[in-house]
C-alpha atoms as a PDB file:
ATOM      1  CA  UNK A   1     177.537 198.487 145.575  1.00  0.00           C
ATOM      2  CA  UNK A   2     176.137 195.350 143.971  1.00  0.00           C
ATOM      3  CA  UNK A   3     175.473 195.678 140.247  1.00  0.00           C
ATOM      4  CA  UNK A   4     174.998 191.979 139.488  1.00  0.00           C
ATOM      5  CA  UNK A   5     171.532 190.541 139.989  1.00  0.00           C
ATOM      6  CA  UNK A   6     171.452 188.143 142.929  1.00  0.00           C
ATOM      7  CA  UNK A   7     170.122 184.754 141.841  1.00  0.00           C
ATOM      8  CA  UNK A   8     169.088 182.139 144.376  1.00  0.00           C
ATOM      9  CA  UNK A   9     167.455 179.769 141.901  1.00  0.00           C
ATOM     10  CA  UNK A  10     167.064 179.742 138.130  1.00  0.00           C
ATOM     11  CA  UNK A  11     163.886 178.664 136.347  1.00  0.00           C
ATOM     12  CA  UNK A  12     164.520 177.718 132.713  1.00  0.00           C
ATOM     13  CA  UNK A  13     163.361 174.897 130.419  1.00  0.00           C
ATOM     14  CA  UNK A  14     165.125 171.543 130.464  1.00  0.00           C
ATOM     15  CA  UNK A  15     166.265 171.355 134.092  1.00  0.00           C
ATOM     16  CA  UNK A  16     168.398 168.243 134.509  1.00  0.00           C
ATOM     17  CA  UNK A  17     169.686 168.674 138.036  1.00  0.00           C
ATOM     18  CA  UNK A  18     169.652 171.243 140.828  1.00  0.00           C
ATOM     19  CA  UNK A  19     172.663 170.776 143.093  1.00  0.00           C
ATOM     20  CA  UNK A  20     173.658 172.683 146.196  1.00  0.00           C
ATOM     21  CA  UNK A  21     174.954 175.593 144.121  1.00  0.00           C
ATOM     22  CA  UNK A  22     174.547 174.845 140.398  1.00  0.00           C
ATOM     23  CA  UNK A  23     171.477 174.407 138.228  1.00  0.00           C
ATOM     24  CA  UNK A  24     172.156 172.164 135.217  1.00  0.00           C
ATOM     25  CA  UNK A  25     170.099 172.249 131.992  1.00  0.00           C
ATOM     26  CA  UNK A  26     170.196 169.924 129.002  1.00  0.00           C
ATOM     27  CA  UNK A  27     170.510 172.008 125.807  1.00  0.00           C
ATOM     28  CA  UNK A  28     170.954 169.072 123.418  1.00  0.00           C
ATOM     29  CA  UNK A  29     173.779 167.715 121.234  1.00  0.00           C
ATOM     30  CA  UNK A  30     175.649 166.391 124.267  1.00  0.00           C
ATOM     31  CA  UNK A  31     175.860 169.863 125.809  1.00  0.00           C
ATOM     32  CA  UNK A  32     174.667 171.235 129.127  1.00  0.00           C
ATOM     33  CA  UNK A  33     174.180 174.733 130.489  1.00  0.00           C
ATOM     34  CA  UNK A  34     175.572 175.082 134.007  1.00  0.00           C
ATOM     35  CA  UNK A  35     174.371 178.096 135.993  1.00  0.00           C
ATOM     36  CA  UNK A  36     176.205 178.947 139.227  1.00  0.00           C
ATOM     37  CA  UNK A  37     173.663 180.537 141.555  1.00  0.00           C
ATOM     38  CA  UNK A  38     174.424 182.637 144.624  1.00  0.00           C
ATOM     39  CA  UNK A  39     173.367 179.879 147.005  1.00  0.00           C
ATOM     40  CA  UNK A  40     175.901 178.916 149.653  1.00  0.00           C
ATOM     41  CA  UNK A  41     176.082 175.771 151.732  1.00  0.00           C
ATOM     42  CA  UNK A  42     177.869 175.080 154.994  1.00  0.00           C
ATOM     43  CA  UNK A  43     178.061 171.779 156.834  1.00  0.00           C
ATOM     44  CA  UNK A  44     176.327 170.389 153.723  1.00  0.00           C
ATOM     45  CA  UNK A  45     173.192 172.493 154.344  1.00  0.00           C
ATOM     46  CA  UNK A  46     172.079 175.199 151.907  1.00  0.00           C
ATOM     47  CA  UNK A  47     171.716 178.556 153.640  1.00  0.00           C
ATOM     48  CA  UNK A  48     168.442 180.484 153.242  1.00  0.00           C
ATOM     49  CA  UNK A  49     170.286 183.655 152.192  1.00  0.00           C
ATOM     50  CA  UNK A  50     172.475 184.016 149.091  1.00  0.00           C
ATOM     51  CA  UNK A  51     175.900 185.650 148.795  1.00  0.00           C
ATOM     52  CA  UNK A  52     175.410 188.309 146.073  1.00  0.00           C
ATOM     53  CA  UNK A  53     177.540 187.672 142.993  1.00  0.00           C
ATOM     54  CA  UNK A  54     179.001 184.433 144.357  1.00  0.00           C
ATOM     55  CA  UNK A  55     177.974 182.469 141.261  1.00  0.00           C
ATOM     56  CA  UNK A  56     179.807 184.949 139.025  1.00  0.00           C
ATOM     57  CA  UNK A  57     182.950 184.628 141.160  1.00  0.00           C
ATOM     58  CA  UNK A  58     182.815 180.821 141.061  1.00  0.00           C
ATOM     59  CA  UNK A  59     182.280 180.733 137.297  1.00  0.00           C
ATOM     60  CA  UNK A  60     185.029 183.200 136.484  1.00  0.00           C
ATOM     61  CA  UNK A  61     187.463 181.517 138.865  1.00  0.00           C
ATOM     62  CA  UNK A  62     186.788 178.031 137.496  1.00  0.00           C
ATOM     63  CA  UNK A  63     187.227 179.382 133.975  1.00  0.00           C
ATOM     64  CA  UNK A  64     190.616 180.804 134.937  1.00  0.00           C
ATOM     65  CA  UNK A  65     191.779 177.492 136.413  1.00  0.00           C
ATOM     66  CA  UNK A  66     190.385 175.321 133.616  1.00  0.00           C
ATOM     67  CA  UNK A  67     192.349 177.405 131.126  1.00  0.00           C
ATOM     68  CA  UNK A  68     195.515 177.347 133.244  1.00  0.00           C
ATOM     69  CA  UNK A  69     195.372 173.567 133.709  1.00  0.00           C
ATOM     70  CA  UNK A  70     194.157 172.507 130.257  1.00  0.00           C
ATOM     71  CA  UNK A  71     197.560 171.047 129.353  1.00  0.00           C
ATOM     72  CA  UNK A  72     197.582 168.987 132.560  1.00  0.00           C
ATOM     73  CA  UNK A  73     194.118 167.484 132.198  1.00  0.00           C
ATOM     74  CA  UNK A  74     191.254 167.968 129.703  1.00  0.00           C
ATOM     75  CA  UNK A  75     188.112 169.637 131.008  1.00  0.00           C
ATOM     76  CA  UNK A  76     184.451 169.829 130.075  1.00  0.00           C
ATOM     77  CA  UNK A  77     184.283 173.540 129.216  1.00  0.00           C
ATOM     78  CA  UNK A  78     183.046 174.867 125.918  1.00  0.00           C
ATOM     79  CA  UNK A  79     182.818 178.446 127.147  1.00  0.00           C
ATOM     80  CA  UNK A  80     181.215 180.958 129.470  1.00  0.00           C
ATOM     81  CA  UNK A  81     178.114 182.461 127.855  1.00  0.00           C
ATOM     82  CA  UNK A  82     179.621 185.957 128.124  1.00  0.00           C
ATOM     83  CA  UNK A  83     182.454 184.742 125.856  1.00  0.00           C
ATOM     84  CA  UNK A  84     180.528 184.870 122.587  1.00  0.00           C
ATOM     85  CA  UNK A  85     183.534 183.732 120.567  1.00  0.00           C
ATOM     86  CA  UNK A  86     183.941 180.547 122.631  1.00  0.00           C
ATOM     87  CA  UNK A  87     180.317 179.498 122.181  1.00  0.00           C
ATOM     88  CA  UNK A  88     179.672 180.885 118.688  1.00  0.00           C
ATOM     89  CA  UNK A  89     179.045 177.395 117.261  1.00  0.00           C
ATOM     90  CA  UNK A  90     176.643 176.360 120.046  1.00  0.00           C
ATOM     91  CA  UNK A  91     172.987 176.307 118.888  1.00  0.00           C
ATOM     92  CA  UNK A  92     170.802 178.684 120.894  1.00  0.00           C
ATOM     93  CA  UNK A  93     168.309 176.085 122.111  1.00  0.00           C
ATOM     94  CA  UNK A  94     166.445 175.340 125.326  1.00  0.00           C
ATOM     95  CA  UNK A  95     167.721 177.075 128.432  1.00  0.00           C
ATOM     96  CA  UNK A  96     170.469 178.833 126.477  1.00  0.00           C
ATOM     97  CA  UNK A  97     167.891 180.484 124.224  1.00  0.00           C
ATOM     98  CA  UNK A  98     165.809 181.436 127.281  1.00  0.00           C
ATOM     99  CA  UNK A  99     168.737 182.709 129.355  1.00  0.00           C
ATOM    100  CA  UNK A 100     167.792 186.057 130.917  1.00  0.00           C
ATOM    101  CA  UNK A 101     170.020 189.102 130.577  1.00  0.00           C
ATOM    102  CA  UNK A 102     172.491 189.279 133.432  1.00  0.00           C
ATOM    103  CA  UNK A 103     173.093 185.524 133.620  1.00  0.00           C
ATOM    104  CA  UNK A 104     175.945 185.462 131.097  1.00  0.00           C
ATOM    105  CA  UNK A 105     178.929 185.671 133.471  1.00  0.00           C
ATOM    106  CA  UNK A 106     177.607 182.917 135.749  1.00  0.00           C
ATOM    107  CA  UNK A 107     176.552 180.478 133.000  1.00  0.00           C
ATOM    108  CA  UNK A 108     178.805 177.990 131.226  1.00  0.00           C
ATOM    109  CA  UNK A 109     178.211 175.683 128.269  1.00  0.00           C
ATOM    110  CA  UNK A 110     179.842 172.351 129.064  1.00  0.00           C
ATOM    111  CA  UNK A 111     180.135 168.921 127.494  1.00  0.00           C
ATOM    112  CA  UNK A 112     177.993 166.248 129.087  1.00  0.00           C
ATOM    113  CA  UNK A 113     180.085 163.698 130.984  1.00  0.00           C
ATOM    114  CA  UNK A 114     179.561 160.363 132.660  1.00  0.00           C
ATOM    115  CA  UNK A 115     180.436 161.425 136.181  1.00  0.00           C
ATOM    116  CA  UNK A 116     182.684 159.376 138.454  1.00  0.00           C
ATOM    117  CA  UNK A 117     180.765 159.027 141.717  1.00  0.00           C
ATOM    118  CA  UNK A 118     183.643 159.922 144.001  1.00  0.00           C
ATOM    119  CA  UNK A 119     184.966 163.244 145.300  1.00  0.00           C
ATOM    120  CA  UNK A 120     188.696 163.420 144.592  1.00  0.00           C
ATOM    121  CA  UNK A 121     190.072 165.284 147.608  1.00  0.00           C
ATOM    122  CA  UNK A 122     193.764 166.184 147.819  1.00  0.00           C
ATOM    123  CA  UNK A 123     195.367 167.555 150.990  1.00  0.00           C
ATOM    124  CA  UNK A 124     198.801 169.100 151.441  1.00  0.00           C
ATOM    125  CA  UNK A 125     198.211 170.193 155.038  1.00  0.00           C
ATOM    126  CA  UNK A 126     196.329 168.558 157.895  1.00  0.00           C
ATOM    127  CA  UNK A 127     193.366 170.771 158.692  1.00  0.00           C
ATOM    128  CA  UNK A 128     189.567 170.779 158.663  1.00  0.00           C
ATOM    129  CA  UNK A 129     187.846 167.385 158.851  1.00  0.00           C
ATOM    130  CA  UNK A 130     191.173 165.580 158.400  1.00  0.00           C
ATOM    131  CA  UNK A 131     192.535 167.288 161.506  1.00  0.00           C
ATOM    132  CA  UNK A 132     189.353 166.442 163.425  1.00  0.00           C
ATOM    133  CA  UNK A 133     189.696 162.744 162.495  1.00  0.00           C
ATOM    134  CA  UNK A 134     193.399 162.741 163.378  1.00  0.00           C
ATOM    135  CA  UNK A 135     192.705 164.213 166.810  1.00  0.00           C
ATOM    136  CA  UNK A 136     190.048 161.564 167.436  1.00  0.00           C
ATOM    137  CA  UNK A 137     191.860 158.483 166.204  1.00  0.00           C
ATOM    138  CA  UNK A 138     195.321 159.289 164.850  1.00  0.00           C
ATOM    139  CA  UNK A 139     194.140 158.443 161.343  1.00  0.00           C
ATOM    140  CA  UNK A 140     193.214 160.235 158.105  1.00  0.00           C
ATOM    141  CA  UNK A 141     190.600 158.532 155.930  1.00  0.00           C
ATOM    142  CA  UNK A 142     191.105 155.517 158.168  1.00  0.00           C
ATOM    143  CA  UNK A 143     194.850 155.295 157.493  1.00  0.00           C
ATOM    144  CA  UNK A 144     197.243 155.575 160.471  1.00  0.00           C
ATOM    145  CA  UNK A 145     199.240 158.817 160.560  1.00  0.00           C
ATOM    146  CA  UNK A 146     202.477 159.683 162.378  1.00  0.00           C
ATOM    147  CA  UNK A 147     202.080 160.749 166.003  1.00  0.00           C
ATOM    148  CA  UNK A 148     202.667 164.345 167.020  1.00  0.00           C
ATOM    149  CA  UNK A 149     201.323 166.164 163.954  1.00  0.00           C
ATOM    150  CA  UNK A 150     200.274 169.757 164.550  1.00  0.00           C
ATOM    151  CA  UNK A 151     197.223 171.452 163.047  1.00  0.00           C
ATOM    152  CA  UNK A 152     197.985 172.894 159.589  1.00  0.00           C
ATOM    153  CA  UNK A 153     201.258 170.973 159.362  1.00  0.00           C
ATOM    154  CA  UNK A 154     202.395 170.316 155.797  1.00  0.00           C
ATOM    155  CA  UNK A 155     202.716 166.768 154.517  1.00  0.00           C
ATOM    156  CA  UNK A 156     205.909 165.740 152.725  1.00  0.00           C
ATOM    157  CA  UNK A 157     203.768 165.130 149.618  1.00  0.00           C
ATOM    158  CA  UNK A 158     200.115 165.828 148.707  1.00  0.00           C
ATOM    159  CA  UNK A 159     197.802 163.061 149.948  1.00  0.00           C
ATOM    160  CA  UNK A 160     194.741 161.683 148.126  1.00  0.00           C
ATOM    161  CA  UNK A 161     191.800 161.448 150.570  1.00  0.00           C
ATOM    162  CA  UNK A 162     188.627 160.795 148.530  1.00  0.00           C
ATOM    163  CA  UNK A 163     185.064 160.857 149.787  1.00  0.00           C
ATOM    164  CA  UNK A 164     181.593 159.877 148.666  1.00  0.00           C
ATOM    165  CA  UNK A 165     179.685 162.257 146.411  1.00  0.00           C
ATOM    166  CA  UNK A 166     176.517 163.324 148.238  1.00  0.00           C
ATOM    167  CA  UNK A 167     173.902 165.523 146.546  1.00  0.00           C
ATOM    168  CA  UNK A 168     172.248 165.880 149.939  1.00  0.00           C
ATOM    169  CA  UNK A 169     173.720 165.397 153.383  1.00  0.00           C
ATOM    170  CA  UNK A 170     177.337 164.851 154.260  1.00  0.00           C
ATOM    171  CA  UNK A 171     180.139 163.478 152.104  1.00  0.00           C
ATOM    172  CA  UNK A 172     181.828 160.544 153.847  1.00  0.00           C
ATOM    173  CA  UNK A 173     185.602 159.998 153.811  1.00  0.00           C
ATOM    174  CA  UNK A 174     186.656 156.762 152.122  1.00  0.00           C
ATOM    175  CA  UNK A 175     189.490 154.424 153.012  1.00  0.00           C
ATOM    176  CA  UNK A 176     191.629 153.327 150.092  1.00  0.00           C
ATOM    177  CA  UNK A 177     189.883 149.944 150.037  1.00  0.00           C
ATOM    178  CA  UNK A 178     186.435 151.565 150.100  1.00  0.00           C
ATOM    179  CA  UNK A 179     187.439 153.864 147.242  1.00  0.00           C
ATOM    180  CA  UNK A 180     188.768 150.964 145.193  1.00  0.00           C
ATOM    181  CA  UNK A 181     185.551 149.050 145.806  1.00  0.00           C
ATOM    182  CA  UNK A 182     183.511 152.052 144.722  1.00  0.00           C
ATOM    183  CA  UNK A 183     185.188 152.843 141.395  1.00  0.00           C
ATOM    184  CA  UNK A 184     187.546 149.916 140.791  1.00  0.00           C
ATOM    185  CA  UNK A 185     191.262 149.521 141.548  1.00  0.00           C
ATOM    186  CA  UNK A 186     192.560 150.772 138.198  1.00  0.00           C
ATOM    187  CA  UNK A 187     190.332 153.846 138.038  1.00  0.00           C
ATOM    188  CA  UNK A 188     191.086 154.666 141.682  1.00  0.00           C
ATOM    189  CA  UNK A 189     194.807 154.663 140.938  1.00  0.00           C
ATOM    190  CA  UNK A 190     194.318 156.819 137.836  1.00  0.00           C
ATOM    191  CA  UNK A 191     192.177 159.311 139.779  1.00  0.00           C
ATOM    192  CA  UNK A 192     194.770 159.482 142.544  1.00  0.00           C
ATOM    193  CA  UNK A 193     197.620 160.143 140.125  1.00  0.00           C
ATOM    194  CA  UNK A 194     195.724 162.710 138.062  1.00  0.00           C
ATOM    195  CA  UNK A 195     194.315 164.521 141.106  1.00  0.00           C
ATOM    196  CA  UNK A 196     197.746 164.923 142.666  1.00  0.00           C
ATOM    197  CA  UNK A 197     199.183 166.062 139.330  1.00  0.00           C
ATOM    198  CA  UNK A 198     196.506 168.759 138.966  1.00  0.00           C
ATOM    199  CA  UNK A 199     196.881 169.751 142.615  1.00  0.00           C
ATOM    200  CA  UNK A 200     200.642 170.176 142.249  1.00  0.00           C
ATOM    201  CA  UNK A 201     200.214 172.490 139.251  1.00  0.00           C
ATOM    202  CA  UNK A 202     197.587 174.570 141.059  1.00  0.00           C
ATOM    203  CA  UNK A 203     199.608 174.667 144.284  1.00  0.00           C
ATOM    204  CA  UNK A 204     202.599 175.985 142.363  1.00  0.00           C
ATOM    205  CA  UNK A 205     200.555 178.767 140.782  1.00  0.00           C
ATOM    206  CA  UNK A 206     198.976 179.745 144.105  1.00  0.00           C
ATOM    207  CA  UNK A 207     202.367 179.827 145.807  1.00  0.00           C
ATOM    208  CA  UNK A 208     203.670 182.202 143.150  1.00  0.00           C
ATOM    209  CA  UNK A 209     200.793 184.546 144.081  1.00  0.00           C
ATOM    210  CA  UNK A 210     201.636 184.414 147.790  1.00  0.00           C
ATOM    211  CA  UNK A 211     198.847 181.942 148.528  1.00  0.00           C
ATOM    212  CA  UNK A 212     198.755 178.390 149.836  1.00  0.00           C
ATOM    213  CA  UNK A 213     196.372 175.776 148.451  1.00  0.00           C
ATOM    214  CA  UNK A 214     195.855 173.708 151.603  1.00  0.00           C
ATOM    215  CA  UNK A 215     193.351 171.241 150.171  1.00  0.00           C
ATOM    216  CA  UNK A 216     190.762 170.934 147.428  1.00  0.00           C
ATOM    217  CA  UNK A 217     188.338 168.521 145.818  1.00  0.00           C
ATOM    218  CA  UNK A 218     188.087 167.654 142.147  1.00  0.00           C
ATOM    219  CA  UNK A 219     185.362 165.932 140.197  1.00  0.00           C
ATOM    220  CA  UNK A 220     186.023 163.812 137.146  1.00  0.00           C
ATOM    221  CA  UNK A 221     183.925 162.230 134.437  1.00  0.00           C
ATOM    222  CA  UNK A 222     184.335 160.492 131.124  1.00  0.00           C
ATOM    223  CA  UNK A 223     183.673 162.269 127.827  1.00  0.00           C
ATOM    224  CA  UNK A 224     184.034 160.020 124.781  1.00  0.00           C
ATOM    225  CA  UNK A 225     185.991 157.596 126.948  1.00  0.00           C
ATOM    226  CA  UNK A 226     188.510 160.212 128.133  1.00  0.00           C
ATOM    227  CA  UNK A 227     188.946 161.070 131.816  1.00  0.00           C
ATOM    228  CA  UNK A 228     187.997 164.740 132.133  1.00  0.00           C
ATOM    229  CA  UNK A 229     187.924 167.375 134.865  1.00  0.00           C
ATOM    230  CA  UNK A 230     184.315 168.536 135.389  1.00  0.00           C
ATOM    231  CA  UNK A 231     182.006 170.636 137.577  1.00  0.00           C
ATOM    232  CA  UNK A 232     183.949 173.504 139.185  1.00  0.00           C
ATOM    233  CA  UNK A 233     187.621 173.661 140.056  1.00  0.00           C
ATOM    234  CA  UNK A 234     189.741 175.388 142.704  1.00  0.00           C
ATOM    235  CA  UNK A 235     187.169 177.892 143.937  1.00  0.00           C
ATOM    236  CA  UNK A 236     186.611 178.978 147.552  1.00  0.00           C
ATOM    237  CA  UNK A 237     183.633 176.581 147.584  1.00  0.00           C
ATOM    238  CA  UNK A 238     185.802 173.546 146.912  1.00  0.00           C
ATOM    239  CA  UNK A 239     189.218 174.626 148.185  1.00  0.00           C
ATOM    240  CA  UNK A 240     190.981 176.015 151.227  1.00  0.00           C
ATOM    241  CA  UNK A 241     193.348 178.914 150.461  1.00  0.00           C
ATOM    242  CA  UNK A 242     195.661 180.633 152.953  1.00  0.00           C
ATOM    243  CA  UNK A 243     197.997 183.606 152.749  1.00  0.00           C
ATOM    244  CA  UNK A 244     201.574 182.300 152.956  1.00  0.00           C
ATOM    245  CA  UNK A 245     202.343 184.899 155.628  1.00  0.00           C
ATOM    246  CA  UNK A 246     199.520 183.603 157.848  1.00  0.00           C
ATOM    247  CA  UNK A 247     200.649 179.980 157.864  1.00  0.00           C
ATOM    248  CA  UNK A 248     202.315 178.570 160.958  1.00  0.00           C
ATOM    249  CA  UNK A 249     201.958 174.930 162.055  1.00  0.00           C
ATOM    250  CA  UNK A 250     199.969 174.606 165.242  1.00  0.00           C
ATOM    251  CA  UNK A 251     197.005 176.754 164.284  1.00  0.00           C
ATOM    252  CA  UNK A 252     194.671 177.049 161.304  1.00  0.00           C
ATOM    253  CA  UNK A 253     195.280 180.310 159.369  1.00  0.00           C
ATOM    254  CA  UNK A 254     192.347 182.494 158.247  1.00  0.00           C
ATOM    255  CA  UNK A 255     190.939 180.937 155.085  1.00  0.00           C
ATOM    256  CA  UNK A 256     189.831 182.621 151.874  1.00  0.00           C
ATOM    257  CA  UNK A 257     186.628 180.603 151.710  1.00  0.00           C
ATOM    258  CA  UNK A 258     183.387 180.124 153.633  1.00  0.00           C
ATOM    259  CA  UNK A 259     185.152 179.659 156.989  1.00  0.00           C
ATOM    260  CA  UNK A 260     183.876 183.035 158.230  1.00  0.00           C
ATOM    261  CA  UNK A 261     180.343 181.749 157.660  1.00  0.00           C
ATOM    262  CA  UNK A 262     181.100 178.418 159.349  1.00  0.00           C
ATOM    263  CA  UNK A 263     182.596 180.206 162.353  1.00  0.00           C
ATOM    264  CA  UNK A 264     179.463 182.322 162.736  1.00  0.00           C
ATOM    265  CA  UNK A 265     177.229 179.270 162.428  1.00  0.00           C
ATOM    266  CA  UNK A 266     179.192 177.554 165.203  1.00  0.00           C
ATOM    267  CA  UNK A 267     178.093 180.346 167.561  1.00  0.00           C
ATOM    268  CA  UNK A 268     174.422 179.763 166.781  1.00  0.00           C
ATOM    269  CA  UNK A 269     171.963 177.409 168.454  1.00  0.00           C
ATOM    270  CA  UNK A 270     171.757 175.198 165.363  1.00  0.00           C
ATOM    271  CA  UNK A 271     172.225 171.436 165.031  1.00  0.00           C
ATOM    272  CA  UNK A 272     173.566 171.553 161.427  1.00  0.00           C
ATOM    273  CA  UNK A 273     170.364 170.154 159.934  1.00  0.00           C
ATOM    274  CA  UNK A 274     167.885 172.085 157.728  1.00  0.00           C
ATOM    275  CA  UNK A 275     166.632 174.694 158.048  1.00  0.00           C
ATOM    276  CA  UNK A 276     169.718 176.813 158.598  1.00  0.00           C
ATOM    277  CA  UNK A 277     169.487 180.167 160.395  1.00  0.00           C
ATOM    278  CA  UNK A 278     169.170 183.395 158.418  1.00  0.00           C
ATOM    279  CA  UNK A 279     172.477 185.145 157.779  1.00  0.00           C
ATOM    280  CA  UNK A 280     173.019 188.677 159.094  1.00  0.00           C
ATOM    281  CA  UNK A 281     174.194 191.301 156.554  1.00  0.00           C
ATOM    282  CA  UNK A 282     177.724 191.480 157.954  1.00  0.00           C
ATOM    283  CA  UNK A 283     178.241 187.713 157.561  1.00  0.00           C
ATOM    284  CA  UNK A 284     177.002 187.930 153.968  1.00  0.00           C
ATOM    285  CA  UNK A 285     179.292 190.907 153.231  1.00  0.00           C
ATOM    286  CA  UNK A 286     182.374 189.373 154.886  1.00  0.00           C
ATOM    287  CA  UNK A 287     181.872 186.076 153.048  1.00  0.00           C
ATOM    288  CA  UNK A 288     181.508 187.864 149.711  1.00  0.00           C
ATOM    289  CA  UNK A 289     184.704 189.840 150.365  1.00  0.00           C
ATOM    290  CA  UNK A 290     186.688 186.668 151.087  1.00  0.00           C
ATOM    291  CA  UNK A 291     185.538 185.145 147.795  1.00  0.00           C
ATOM    292  CA  UNK A 292     186.425 188.302 145.896  1.00  0.00           C
ATOM    293  CA  UNK A 293     189.814 188.493 147.623  1.00  0.00           C
ATOM    294  CA  UNK A 294     190.592 184.905 146.658  1.00  0.00           C
ATOM    295  CA  UNK A 295     189.738 185.710 143.043  1.00  0.00           C
ATOM    296  CA  UNK A 296     191.929 188.836 143.014  1.00  0.00           C
ATOM    297  CA  UNK A 297     194.867 187.157 144.709  1.00  0.00           C
ATOM    298  CA  UNK A 298     194.876 184.032 142.544  1.00  0.00           C
ATOM    299  CA  UNK A 299     194.024 185.459 139.118  1.00  0.00           C
ATOM    300  CA  UNK A 300     195.640 188.878 139.408  1.00  0.00           C
ATOM    301  CA  UNK A 301     192.415 190.452 138.140  1.00  0.00           C
ATOM    302  CA  UNK A 302     189.608 192.420 139.713  1.00  0.00           C
ATOM    303  CA  UNK A 303     185.972 191.419 139.368  1.00  0.00           C
ATOM    304  CA  UNK A 304     183.045 193.823 139.539  1.00  0.00           C
ATOM    305  CA  UNK A 305     180.040 192.402 141.375  1.00  0.00           C
END
């Protein structure tokens, strides 16, 4: 039974940006309030129906990872609003002062960053869009790959495969040269090194929990001149997790993410442009359960939604 209020869209003072999932508010003093709604997107289109409690799961999961990885890379978190100790010095202004009851576990006070306009994708297995490109052309992000790879095969080392950052529409995979042209050679190299370093730490933790981190995307920004991990991190929205017992090269294992939703959408008469079809209750319920399972498996904690 759902006890958390389902929130498709927030309406508070000081709206700075409304992304696919998160509503961002400026609360002054270089701080933002980030609210993870229950919206869900697939094929870069926002669905008309929310996944109840999804924003709480995303927020709590990102908080877990940010804390786990804080010695690997700094992050933008001040604290989740439900953690009164973490945000005790934050002035209650703007959207934070107006925050309705029930929003606390899905809302995070963060430091404002100058965002790097590139998605930092890291892959340790060839699957998803990378597999589709490889089957078409034998390449990944435009780079030639060895012949004979099987779906879900593991790479010898994690591979950096960045893409454009699209608020609307589809992210586009970047070749190394395109990425260097976008952000500069030096920053590209730094982002590649840091992304793989963070990925390796997260992959190791997931493996210890009997899970595989197949691929993920990070976002970075600069805060006071320091490269910082921002937005969300290592959630089912941004990452592909598998059970280690399900993995076998040659086929894609069931994923603890929105793949159930994508699979259902593929059976519909829909051209992957807005508006998306309404989601039946069983698709909503199964998607929610996969998100909750990922949280339980990776954090070792249960979450009441």
